[in-house]
Protein backbone atom coordinates (compact mmCIF):
# COMPACT_ATOMS: atom_id res chain seq x y z
CA UNK A 1 0.03 -0.02 -0.01
CA UNK A 2 2.81 2.38 0.86
CA UNK A 3 4.57 1.63 -2.44
CA UNK A 4 1.33 2.31 -4.35
CA UNK A 5 0.89 5.59 -2.51
CA UNK A 6 4.45 6.61 -3.37
CA UNK A 7 3.90 5.65 -7.03
CA UNK A 8 0.59 7.56 -7.16
CA UNK A 9 2.32 10.58 -5.67
CA UNK A 10 5.23 10.47 -8.14
CA UNK A 11 3.27 9.66 -11.26
CA UNK A 12 0.22 11.93 -11.60
CA UNK A 13 -1.40 13.42 -14.69
CA UNK A 14 0.51 16.41 -15.86
CA UNK A 15 0.21 18.83 -18.76
CA UNK A 16 2.86 20.63 -20.73
CA UNK A 17 1.68 23.97 -22.23
CA UNK A 18 3.22 24.88 -25.61
CA UNK A 19 2.70 28.39 -27.03
CA UNK A 20 2.81 28.67 -30.87
CA UNK A 21 2.16 32.15 -32.28
CA UNK A 22 -0.02 33.12 -29.35
CA UNK A 23 -2.03 29.88 -29.44
CA UNK A 24 -1.81 27.54 -26.48
CA UNK A 25 -1.63 23.81 -26.92
CA UNK A 26 -1.89 21.42 -24.01
CA UNK A 27 0.31 18.28 -24.22
CA UNK A 28 -1.02 15.74 -21.73
CA UNK A 29 1.56 13.49 -19.97
CA UNK A 30 -0.30 10.45 -18.80
CA UNK A 31 0.83 8.19 -15.96
CA UNK A 32 1.78 5.46 -18.43
CA UNK A 33 3.96 7.88 -20.44
CA UNK A 34 5.69 9.14 -17.26
CA UNK A 35 6.29 5.56 -16.05
CA UNK A 36 7.65 4.55 -19.43
CA UNK A 37 10.01 7.56 -19.47
CA UNK A 38 11.17 6.74 -15.95
CA UNK A 39 11.75 3.07 -16.92
CA UNK A 40 13.71 4.13 -20.05
CA UNK A 41 15.84 6.45 -17.91
CA UNK A 42 16.49 3.72 -15.35
CA UNK A 43 17.33 1.26 -18.13
CA UNK A 44 19.71 3.70 -19.78
CA UNK A 45 21.37 4.44 -16.42
CA UNK A 46 21.72 0.72 -15.65
CA UNK A 47 23.20 0.10 -19.09
CA UNK A 48 25.68 2.92 -18.57
CA UNK A 49 26.64 1.57 -15.13
CA UNK A 50 27.02 -1.93 -16.56
CA UNK A 51 29.34 -0.64 -19.28
CA UNK A 52 31.35 1.30 -16.74
CA UNK A 53 31.72 -1.74 -14.40
CA UNK A 54 32.45 -4.03 -17.33
CA UNK A 55 35.12 -1.60 -18.56
CA UNK A 56 36.70 -1.45 -15.10
CA UNK A 57 36.77 -5.28 -14.86
CA UNK A 58 38.31 -5.53 -18.31
CA UNK A 59 40.91 -2.97 -17.37
CA UNK A 60 41.66 -4.89 -14.17
CA UNK A 61 42.04 -8.17 -16.08
CA UNK A 62 44.30 -6.44 -18.62
CA UNK A 63 46.46 -5.12 -15.75
CA UNK A 64 46.69 -8.67 -14.32
CA UNK A 65 47.62 -10.04 -17.75
CA UNK A 66 50.36 -7.39 -18.09
CA UNK A 67 51.69 -8.33 -14.61
CA UNK A 68 51.72 -12.03 -15.56
CA UNK A 69 53.45 -11.17 -18.82
CA UNK A 70 56.12 -9.18 -16.94
CA UNK A 71 56.60 -12.12 -14.53
CA UNK A 72 57.01 -14.57 -17.44
CA UNK A 73 59.42 -12.15 -19.09
CA UNK A 74 61.52 -12.00 -15.92
CA UNK A 75 61.46 -15.83 -15.67
CA UNK A 76 62.47 -16.07 -19.29
CA UNK A 77 65.33 -13.65 -18.70
CA UNK A 78 66.47 -15.72 -15.68
CA UNK A 79 66.30 -18.99 -17.72
CA UNK A 80 68.21 -17.26 -20.52
CA UNK A 81 70.89 -16.20 -18.04
CA UNK A 82 71.11 -19.78 -16.66
CA UNK A 83 71.29 -21.05 -20.22
CA UNK A 84 74.15 -18.71 -21.07
CA UNK A 85 75.91 -19.71 -17.80
CA UNK A 86 75.44 -23.43 -18.65
CA UNK A 87 76.81 -22.76 -22.15
CA UNK A 88 79.88 -21.07 -20.60
CA UNK A 89 80.34 -24.01 -18.22
CA UNK A 90 79.99 -26.48 -21.12
CA UNK A 91 82.57 -24.53 -23.04
CA UNK A 92 84.94 -24.54 -20.06
CA UNK A 93 84.31 -28.22 -19.51
CA UNK A 94 84.89 -28.90 -23.20
CA UNK A 95 88.23 -27.09 -22.99
CA UNK A 96 89.15 -29.04 -19.88
CA UNK A 97 88.13 -32.30 -21.58
CA UNK A 98 90.26 -31.40 -24.58
CA UNK A 99 93.17 -30.78 -22.27
CA UNK A 100 92.52 -34.05 -20.48
CA UNK A 101 92.34 -35.89 -23.79
CA UNK A 102 95.63 -34.32 -24.82
CA UNK A 103 97.21 -35.33 -21.57
CA UNK A 104 95.67 -38.79 -21.92
CA UNK A 105 97.18 -39.10 -25.38
CA UNK A 106 100.51 -38.01 -23.97
CA UNK A 107 100.21 -40.59 -21.22
CA UNK A 108 99.28 -43.22 -23.74
CA UNK A 109 102.26 -42.20 -25.80
CA UNK A 110 104.44 -42.38 -22.73
CA UNK A 111 102.91 -45.75 -21.94
CA UNK A 112 103.87 -47.07 -25.31
CA UNK A 113 107.37 -45.66 -24.78
CA UNK A 114 107.53 -47.20 -21.28
CA UNK A 115 106.25 -50.55 -22.54
CA UNK A 116 108.85 -50.46 -25.24
CA UNK A 117 111.48 -49.49 -22.63
CA UNK A 118 110.31 -52.29 -20.37
CA UNK A 119 110.50 -54.73 -23.19
CA UNK A 120 113.89 -53.42 -23.96
CA UNK A 121 114.83 -53.60 -20.32
CA UNK A 122 113.52 -57.06 -19.86
CA UNK A 123 115.34 -58.22 -22.90
CA UNK A 124 118.52 -56.52 -21.79
CA UNK A 125 120.29 -56.89 -18.61
CA UNK A 126 119.98 -53.54 -16.96
CA UNK A 127 120.26 -52.15 -13.61
CA UNK A 128 117.63 -53.19 -10.99
CA UNK A 129 117.37 -49.66 -9.63
CA UNK A 130 116.59 -48.30 -13.01
CA UNK A 131 114.02 -51.01 -13.46
CA UNK A 132 112.35 -50.15 -10.21
CA UNK A 133 112.30 -46.50 -11.14
CA UNK A 134 110.52 -47.33 -14.36
CA UNK A 135 107.95 -49.48 -12.54
CA UNK A 136 107.25 -46.59 -10.16
CA UNK A 137 106.83 -44.29 -13.06
CA UNK A 138 104.49 -46.78 -14.76
CA UNK A 139 102.47 -47.17 -11.58
CA UNK A 140 102.23 -43.38 -11.19
CA UNK A 141 101.17 -43.07 -14.82
CA UNK A 142 98.54 -45.80 -14.30
CA UNK A 143 97.16 -44.00 -11.23
CA UNK A 144 97.14 -40.76 -13.21
CA UNK A 145 95.37 -42.49 -16.04
CA UNK A 146 92.80 -43.97 -13.64
CA UNK A 147 92.10 -40.55 -12.08
CA UNK A 148 91.89 -38.99 -15.56
CA UNK A 149 89.34 -41.67 -16.59
CA UNK A 150 87.33 -41.02 -13.45
CA UNK A 151 87.45 -37.27 -14.09
CA UNK A 152 86.38 -37.84 -17.68
CA UNK A 153 83.43 -39.99 -16.57
CA UNK A 154 82.46 -37.29 -14.09
CA UNK A 155 82.68 -34.62 -16.76
CA UNK A 156 80.66 -36.73 -19.14
CA UNK A 157 78.01 -37.13 -16.41
CA UNK A 158 78.04 -33.36 -15.79
CA UNK A 159 77.79 -32.77 -19.55
CA UNK A 160 74.81 -35.07 -19.67
CA UNK A 161 73.15 -33.28 -16.77
CA UNK A 162 73.87 -29.92 -18.41
CA UNK A 163 72.41 -31.13 -21.71
CA UNK A 164 69.33 -32.31 -19.88
CA UNK A 165 69.01 -28.96 -18.05
CA UNK A 166 69.66 -27.18 -21.36
CA UNK A 167 66.91 -29.20 -23.03
CA UNK A 168 64.46 -28.42 -20.22
CA UNK A 169 65.46 -24.77 -20.37
CA UNK A 170 64.98 -24.69 -24.15
CA UNK A 171 61.55 -26.38 -23.73
CA UNK A 172 60.62 -23.82 -21.07
CA UNK A 173 61.87 -21.10 -23.33
CA UNK A 174 59.64 -22.42 -26.19
CA UNK A 175 56.69 -22.65 -23.85
CA UNK A 176 57.44 -19.12 -22.61
CA UNK A 177 57.64 -17.85 -26.18
CA UNK A 178 54.31 -19.57 -26.98
CA UNK A 179 52.68 -18.11 -23.84
CA UNK A 180 54.18 -14.73 -24.62
CA UNK A 181 52.70 -14.84 -28.21
CA UNK A 182 49.32 -15.92 -26.79
CA UNK A 183 49.57 -13.23 -24.15
CA UNK A 184 50.45 -10.58 -26.75
CA UNK A 185 47.56 -11.71 -28.96
CA UNK A 186 45.14 -11.59 -26.03
CA UNK A 187 46.65 -8.28 -24.99
CA UNK A 188 46.04 -6.91 -28.53
CA UNK A 189 42.46 -8.23 -28.38
CA UNK A 190 42.05 -6.65 -24.93
CA UNK A 191 43.48 -3.37 -26.26
CA UNK A 192 40.96 -3.41 -29.13
CA UNK A 193 38.14 -4.04 -26.66
CA UNK A 194 39.46 -1.25 -24.40
CA UNK A 195 39.61 1.15 -27.38
CA UNK A 196 36.07 0.05 -28.40
CA UNK A 197 34.80 0.53 -24.85
CA UNK A 198 36.62 3.87 -24.68
CA UNK A 199 34.97 5.12 -27.91
CA UNK A 200 31.60 3.75 -26.80
CA UNK A 201 32.06 5.36 -23.41
CA UNK A 202 32.78 8.67 -25.08
CA UNK A 203 29.71 8.39 -27.25
CA UNK A 204 27.57 7.38 -24.29
CA UNK A 205 29.02 10.22 -22.21
CA UNK A 206 28.30 12.63 -25.10
CA UNK A 207 24.72 11.38 -25.43
CA UNK A 208 24.34 11.58 -21.68
CA UNK A 209 25.52 15.20 -21.71
CA UNK A 210 23.08 15.97 -24.53
CA UNK A 211 20.28 14.23 -22.61
CA UNK A 212 21.19 16.26 -19.51
CA UNK A 213 21.14 19.49 -21.56
CA UNK A 214 17.74 18.56 -23.04
CA UNK A 215 16.38 17.65 -19.70
CA UNK A 216 17.58 20.97 -18.25
CA UNK A 217 16.05 22.80 -21.22
CA UNK A 218 12.80 20.94 -20.82
CA UNK A 219 12.80 21.66 -17.11
CA UNK A 220 13.38 25.37 -17.73
CA UNK A 221 10.64 25.35 -20.39
CA UNK A 222 8.32 23.46 -18.03
CA UNK A 223 8.94 26.02 -15.29
CA UNK A 224 8.31 28.82 -17.83
CA UNK A 225 5.10 27.08 -18.89
CA UNK A 226 4.02 26.82 -15.28
CA UNK A 227 4.69 30.53 -14.82
CA UNK A 228 2.78 31.36 -17.97
CA UNK A 229 -0.03 29.05 -16.91
CA UNK A 230 -0.30 30.88 -13.59
CA UNK A 231 -0.27 34.23 -15.46
CA UNK A 232 -2.91 32.89 -17.86
CA UNK A 233 -5.03 31.60 -14.99
CA UNK A 234 -4.89 35.05 -13.39
CA UNK A 235 -5.72 36.69 -16.72
CA UNK A 236 -8.61 34.26 -17.30
CA UNK A 237 -9.97 35.06 -13.83
CA UNK A 238 -9.74 38.78 -14.60
CA UNK A 239 -11.38 38.26 -18.01
CA UNK A 240 -14.20 36.23 -16.40
CA UNK A 241 -14.80 39.02 -13.89
CA UNK A 242 -14.75 41.60 -16.69
CA UNK A 243 -17.02 39.42 -18.79
CA UNK A 244 -19.47 39.13 -15.92
CA UNK A 245 -19.42 42.92 -15.47
CA UNK A 246 -19.87 43.50 -19.22
CA UNK A 247 -22.67 40.92 -19.33
CA UNK A 248 -24.51 42.72 -16.55
CA UNK A 249 -23.96 46.12 -18.24
CA UNK A 250 -24.91 44.89 -21.71
CA UNK A 251 -27.90 42.99 -20.48
CA UNK A 252 -29.81 46.19 -19.78
CA UNK A 253 -28.64 47.72 -23.09
CA UNK A 254 -29.79 44.67 -24.99
CA UNK A 255 -33.13 44.78 -23.18
CA UNK A 256 -33.60 48.43 -24.12
CA UNK A 257 -32.64 47.78 -27.74
CA UNK A 258 -35.01 44.81 -27.81
CA UNK A 259 -37.88 46.94 -26.43
CA UNK A 260 -37.17 49.81 -28.85
CA UNK A 261 -36.91 47.37 -31.76
CA UNK A 262 -40.22 45.82 -30.82
CA UNK A 263 -41.77 49.28 -30.68
CA UNK A 264 -40.36 50.03 -34.14
CA UNK A 265 -41.60 46.65 -35.45
CA UNK A 266 -45.10 47.42 -34.10
CA UNK A 267 -45.03 50.87 -35.70
CA UNK A 268 -43.96 49.44 -39.06
CA UNK A 269 -46.53 46.69 -38.79
CA UNK A 270 -49.32 49.27 -38.12
CA UNK A 271 -48.18 51.18 -41.24
CA UNK A 272 -48.53 48.03 -43.35
CA UNK A 273 -51.92 47.26 -41.79
CA UNK A 274 -53.13 50.73 -42.81
CA UNK A 275 -52.58 49.79 -46.45
CA UNK A 276 -55.03 46.91 -46.09
CA UNK A 277 -52.35 44.22 -46.37
CA UNK A 278 -51.50 41.42 -43.98
CA UNK A 279 -47.87 41.91 -42.71
CA UNK A 280 -47.55 38.24 -41.68
CA UNK A 281 -48.60 37.12 -45.13
CA UNK A 282 -46.16 39.51 -46.82
CA UNK A 283 -43.24 38.48 -44.57
CA UNK A 284 -44.16 34.78 -44.39
CA UNK A 285 -41.37 33.73 -46.78
CA UNK A 286 -38.79 35.93 -44.99
CA UNK A 287 -39.65 35.29 -41.34
CA UNK A 288 -39.37 31.54 -41.77
CA UNK A 289 -35.60 31.05 -41.60
CA UNK A 290 -34.15 28.11 -43.51
CA UNK A 291 -33.24 25.22 -41.12
CA UNK A 292 -31.82 21.76 -41.65
CA UNK A 293 -28.71 19.57 -41.46
CA UNK A 294 -27.96 16.17 -39.83
CA UNK A 295 -29.19 15.42 -36.35
CA UNK A 296 -26.50 15.57 -33.65
CA UNK A 297 -27.45 15.11 -30.04
CA UNK A 298 -26.83 18.21 -27.97
CA UNK A 299 -23.87 18.03 -25.55
CA UNK A 300 -23.94 20.03 -22.29
CA UNK A 301 -21.51 22.96 -22.59
CA UNK A 302 -19.92 23.23 -19.18
CA UNK A 303 -17.48 25.89 -20.35
CA UNK A 304 -20.15 28.58 -20.63
CA UNK A 305 -21.30 30.33 -17.50
CA UNK A 306 -24.94 30.75 -16.68
CA UNK A 307 -24.62 34.48 -17.17
CA UNK A 308 -23.07 33.89 -20.56
CA UNK A 309 -25.94 31.63 -21.56
CA UNK A 310 -28.44 34.24 -20.41
CA UNK A 311 -26.51 36.88 -22.35
CA UNK A 312 -26.56 34.75 -25.49
CA UNK A 313 -30.26 34.11 -25.12
CA UNK A 314 -30.94 37.89 -24.83
CA UNK A 315 -28.70 38.48 -27.84
CA UNK A 316 -30.62 35.93 -29.90
CA UNK A 317 -33.89 37.61 -28.97
CA UNK A 318 -32.50 40.98 -29.96
CA UNK A 319 -31.18 39.60 -33.24
CA UNK A 320 -34.59 38.06 -34.00
CA UNK A 321 -36.27 41.45 -33.32
CA UNK A 322 -33.72 43.28 -35.47
CA UNK A 323 -34.23 40.77 -38.26
CA UNK A 324 -37.97 41.35 -38.02
CA UNK A 325 -37.47 45.08 -38.07
CA UNK A 326 -35.13 44.92 -41.09
CA UNK A 327 -37.61 42.76 -42.96
CA UNK A 328 -40.41 45.23 -42.28
CA UNK A 329 -38.22 48.14 -43.13
CA UNK A 330 -37.17 46.52 -46.44
CA UNK A 331 -40.83 45.77 -47.21
CA UNK A 332 -41.81 49.34 -46.29
CA UNK A 333 -39.12 50.71 -48.69
CA UNK A 334 -40.70 48.66 -51.49
CA UNK A 335 -44.32 49.72 -50.85
CA UNK A 336 -45.75 52.60 -52.92
CA UNK A 337 -46.69 54.83 -50.01
CA UNK A 338 -46.40 58.31 -51.67
CA UNK A 339 -48.66 60.45 -53.93
CA UNK A 340 -47.82 60.27 -57.66
CA UNK A 341 -47.97 64.09 -57.86
CA UNK A 342 -46.61 66.88 -55.74
CA UNK A 343 -49.50 69.25 -56.46
CA UNK A 344 -52.96 67.98 -57.13
CA UNK A 345 -56.22 66.74 -55.71
CA UNK A 346 -58.36 63.58 -55.88
CA UNK A 347 -61.11 63.78 -58.55
CA UNK A 348 -62.28 60.17 -58.39
CA UNK A 349 -61.87 57.60 -55.62
CA UNK A 350 -61.26 53.86 -55.64
CA UNK A 351 -64.21 51.50 -55.84
CA UNK A 352 -67.78 52.00 -57.05
CA UNK A 353 -68.54 55.24 -58.83
CA UNK A 354 -70.68 56.84 -61.47
CA UNK A 355 -68.86 56.53 -64.79
CA UNK A 356 -68.04 60.06 -66.08
CA UNK A 357 -68.85 59.08 -69.66
CA UNK A 358 -71.64 56.54 -69.50
CA UNK A 359 -73.08 57.91 -66.20
CA UNK A 360 -73.56 54.28 -65.10
CA UNK A 361 -72.38 52.61 -61.89
CA UNK A 362 -68.93 51.09 -62.47
CA UNK A 363 -65.82 49.90 -60.57
CA UNK A 364 -62.91 52.30 -60.52
CA UNK A 365 -59.69 50.30 -60.00
CA UNK A 366 -57.54 53.31 -59.01
CA UNK A 367 -57.58 56.94 -57.92
CA UNK A 368 -57.60 60.02 -60.24
CA UNK A 369 -55.45 63.01 -59.38
CA UNK A 370 -55.94 66.29 -61.23
CA UNK A 371 -53.44 69.11 -61.24
CA UNK A 372 -51.90 72.04 -63.04
CA UNK A 373 -50.81 71.81 -66.67
CA UNK A 374 -47.59 69.82 -67.27
CA UNK A 375 -47.59 68.50 -63.68
CA UNK A 376 -44.81 65.97 -63.00
CA UNK A 377 -45.81 62.37 -62.47
CA UNK A 378 -43.50 60.73 -59.89
CA UNK A 379 -42.69 57.07 -59.07
CA UNK A 380 -44.13 56.19 -55.67
CA UNK A 381 -41.48 53.51 -54.92
CA UNK A 382 -38.29 52.18 -56.52
CA UNK A 383 -38.66 49.45 -59.14
CA UNK A 384 -38.29 48.39 -62.76
CA UNK A 385 -40.38 49.77 -65.68
CA UNK A 386 -42.22 46.82 -67.26
CA UNK A 387 -44.56 48.63 -69.67
CA UNK A 388 -44.25 51.87 -71.61
CA UNK A 389 -46.72 52.95 -74.33
CA UNK A 390 -50.36 53.30 -75.25
CA UNK A 391 -52.82 50.89 -73.63
CA UNK A 392 -56.40 51.40 -74.85
CA UNK A 393 -58.54 53.31 -72.38
CA UNK A 394 -55.45 54.07 -70.23
CA UNK A 395 -53.95 56.09 -73.02
CA UNK A 396 -50.21 56.60 -72.56
CA UNK A 397 -49.35 54.33 -69.60
CA UNK A 398 -46.36 53.35 -67.54
CA UNK A 399 -46.25 50.19 -65.34
CA UNK A 400 -43.58 49.76 -62.63
CA UNK A 401 -42.80 46.48 -60.85
CA UNK A 402 -41.64 47.11 -57.27
CA UNK A 403 -41.05 43.50 -56.29
CA UNK A 404 -42.86 41.22 -53.82
CA UNK A 405 -45.85 41.21 -56.21
CA UNK A 406 -46.43 44.99 -56.10
CA UNK A 407 -47.06 46.96 -59.30
CA UNK A 408 -48.20 50.58 -59.96
CA UNK A 409 -49.87 51.96 -63.07
CA UNK A 410 -49.89 55.56 -64.29
CA UNK A 411 -52.45 56.33 -67.09
CA UNK A 412 -53.59 59.23 -69.35
CA UNK A 413 -50.01 60.64 -69.49
CA UNK A 414 -49.27 63.43 -71.94
CA UNK A 415 -45.61 62.47 -72.22
CA UNK A 416 -43.54 59.45 -71.02
CA UNK A 417 -40.02 60.09 -69.77
CA UNK A 418 -38.81 56.53 -69.00
CA UNK A 419 -38.09 53.40 -71.00
CA UNK A 420 -38.99 49.79 -70.55
CA UNK A 421 -36.52 47.82 -68.39
CA UNK A 422 -35.21 50.99 -66.74
CA UNK A 423 -34.38 50.88 -63.04
CA UNK A 424 -35.89 53.89 -61.31
CA UNK A 425 -35.66 55.25 -57.81
CA UNK A 426 -38.22 56.66 -55.49
CA UNK A 427 -39.72 60.00 -56.67
CA UNK A 428 -38.21 59.63 -60.17
CA UNK A 429 -40.15 61.72 -62.79
CA UNK A 430 -41.68 59.17 -65.19
CA UNK A 431 -43.99 61.48 -67.24
CA UNK A 432 -46.19 64.50 -67.59
CA UNK A 433 -49.87 64.72 -66.61
CA UNK A 434 -52.26 64.65 -69.62
CA UNK A 435 -55.63 63.42 -70.94
CA UNK A 436 -54.91 60.64 -73.38
CA UNK A 437 -57.15 57.57 -73.73
CA UNK A 438 -60.63 57.40 -72.18
CA UNK A 439 -60.56 60.70 -70.27
CA UNK A 440 -62.68 63.82 -69.81
CA UNK A 441 -59.82 66.07 -68.76
CA UNK A 442 -56.27 66.42 -67.51
CA UNK A 443 -55.45 64.03 -64.69
CA UNK A 444 -53.44 60.86 -63.89
CA UNK A 445 -55.05 57.52 -63.22
CA UNK A 446 -53.03 55.80 -60.42
CA UNK A 447 -53.38 52.09 -59.56
CA UNK A 448 -51.76 49.77 -57.00
CA UNK A 449 -51.77 46.01 -57.77
CA UNK A 450 -50.58 43.20 -55.48
CA UNK A 451 -50.52 39.64 -56.81
CA UNK A 452 -53.07 40.59 -59.48
CA UNK A 453 -55.53 42.24 -57.02
CA UNK A 454 -56.21 46.01 -56.93
CA UNK A 455 -55.95 47.93 -53.69
CA UNK A 456 -57.06 51.41 -52.72
CA UNK A 457 -54.10 53.79 -53.19
CA UNK A 458 -55.56 56.19 -50.66
CA UNK A 459 -54.90 53.67 -47.86
CA UNK A 460 -51.29 53.39 -48.99
CA UNK A 461 -50.96 57.20 -49.07
CA UNK A 462 -52.39 57.43 -45.53
CA UNK A 463 -50.01 54.75 -44.36
CA UNK A 464 -47.22 56.67 -46.05
CA UNK A 465 -48.16 59.82 -44.14
CA UNK A 466 -48.12 57.82 -40.87
CA UNK A 467 -44.85 56.25 -41.89
CA UNK A 468 -43.21 59.63 -42.54
CA UNK A 469 -44.29 60.69 -39.08
CA UNK A 470 -43.15 57.50 -37.41
CA UNK A 471 -39.88 57.14 -39.34
CA UNK A 472 -38.02 59.78 -37.29
CA UNK A 473 -39.05 57.99 -34.07
CA UNK A 474 -37.94 54.66 -35.58
CA UNK A 475 -34.60 56.14 -36.61
CA UNK A 476 -34.15 57.64 -33.14
CA UNK A 477 -34.89 54.31 -31.48
CA UNK A 478 -32.46 52.61 -33.86
CA UNK A 479 -29.71 55.08 -32.99
CA UNK A 480 -30.26 54.55 -29.31
């Protein structure tokens, strides 16, 4: 249990923070990776220690071999000295033997002379004293010969012993030479191993120094990362506090913008209602945002704070309100909400009326505006001219397509100032008031058509007047 506690304390999950161009990356060091690194370090240290101890043992053995070699060399030198001494003794003995052989030959020669003398003396009648003297001399020569033979045998025995000792010495010398050759060969092998171990030791020492330098660099970098991590933690805490403060401050601002946007949306919606149109129907295709994509189960985001989630929810509501307001504003800019003339008055309303020519009840699909001579006829909204020319009872007529299914017609014109396909802006002069076609006098017949259905232009003009009054309030709310 104690060992497990120590291991758990030493090997815990750690992280190394790496900064690359201001971006932080977290390198996780698991317990297994740390244990593996520790095991590799221990194995490398054990291998290095084994090599060091093995090198020391090899060096010790080499030293012992050198000592043995020196001892054998000294023994060989001693045997060589004994051999030289034996050779000198043999030479002296050989000289002495030569001398003894020479003396022996002299004695033998004297013996022959004596024997001849004895024969001569025996044959002759000589003096007895002389005869006795010769016998004494012969006896002395015989004794000398006997001692010389004994000395020769002794010398031969010594020579035999010296030859035996010389043979043994030569054999020992040969064995010593063989041992010395083997020792020199083994010494050369040991020297090669020592050189190999020395080079390996240098490489290992160099790698160990590099590993130490890398470890020191990693340690410094790790300490720097820890310092940066502490600084980043402090900065994150400060940013969180600032974010909380900003969230609280912006929450009220977003709420006010949301309320003002809703007020502007309601005002724009009322303007569109005044025209007799349904805003929801007109904006149906725009308000329904496109959605789709594969289904992925939602994962709880624990990184966001509750205040941040509330802030994002408020922001989404505000964005939805702004999108609604922008859609209504865009629609409002496309609606023909102005009068087609600057100066003039209504001479005939929209709907049922008494026909000015037949005097019978009829349906009037637009509104007639009369005015001074050569009064300018103005476009009531931006759009594209789709018809220019004469059109039966309408006389000279201009039709403008404003998009979203809205069209306006301008009839009984004296003169047309635009061309078919021309893009025109709001309040662009498109013609001059006249009395062409089925008309009783100078005026302009003005129609508003949406999806093929005619609408009362007076309602649009009233809505325009309300819009021009409400627009400054809307702009003020938008600026706030």
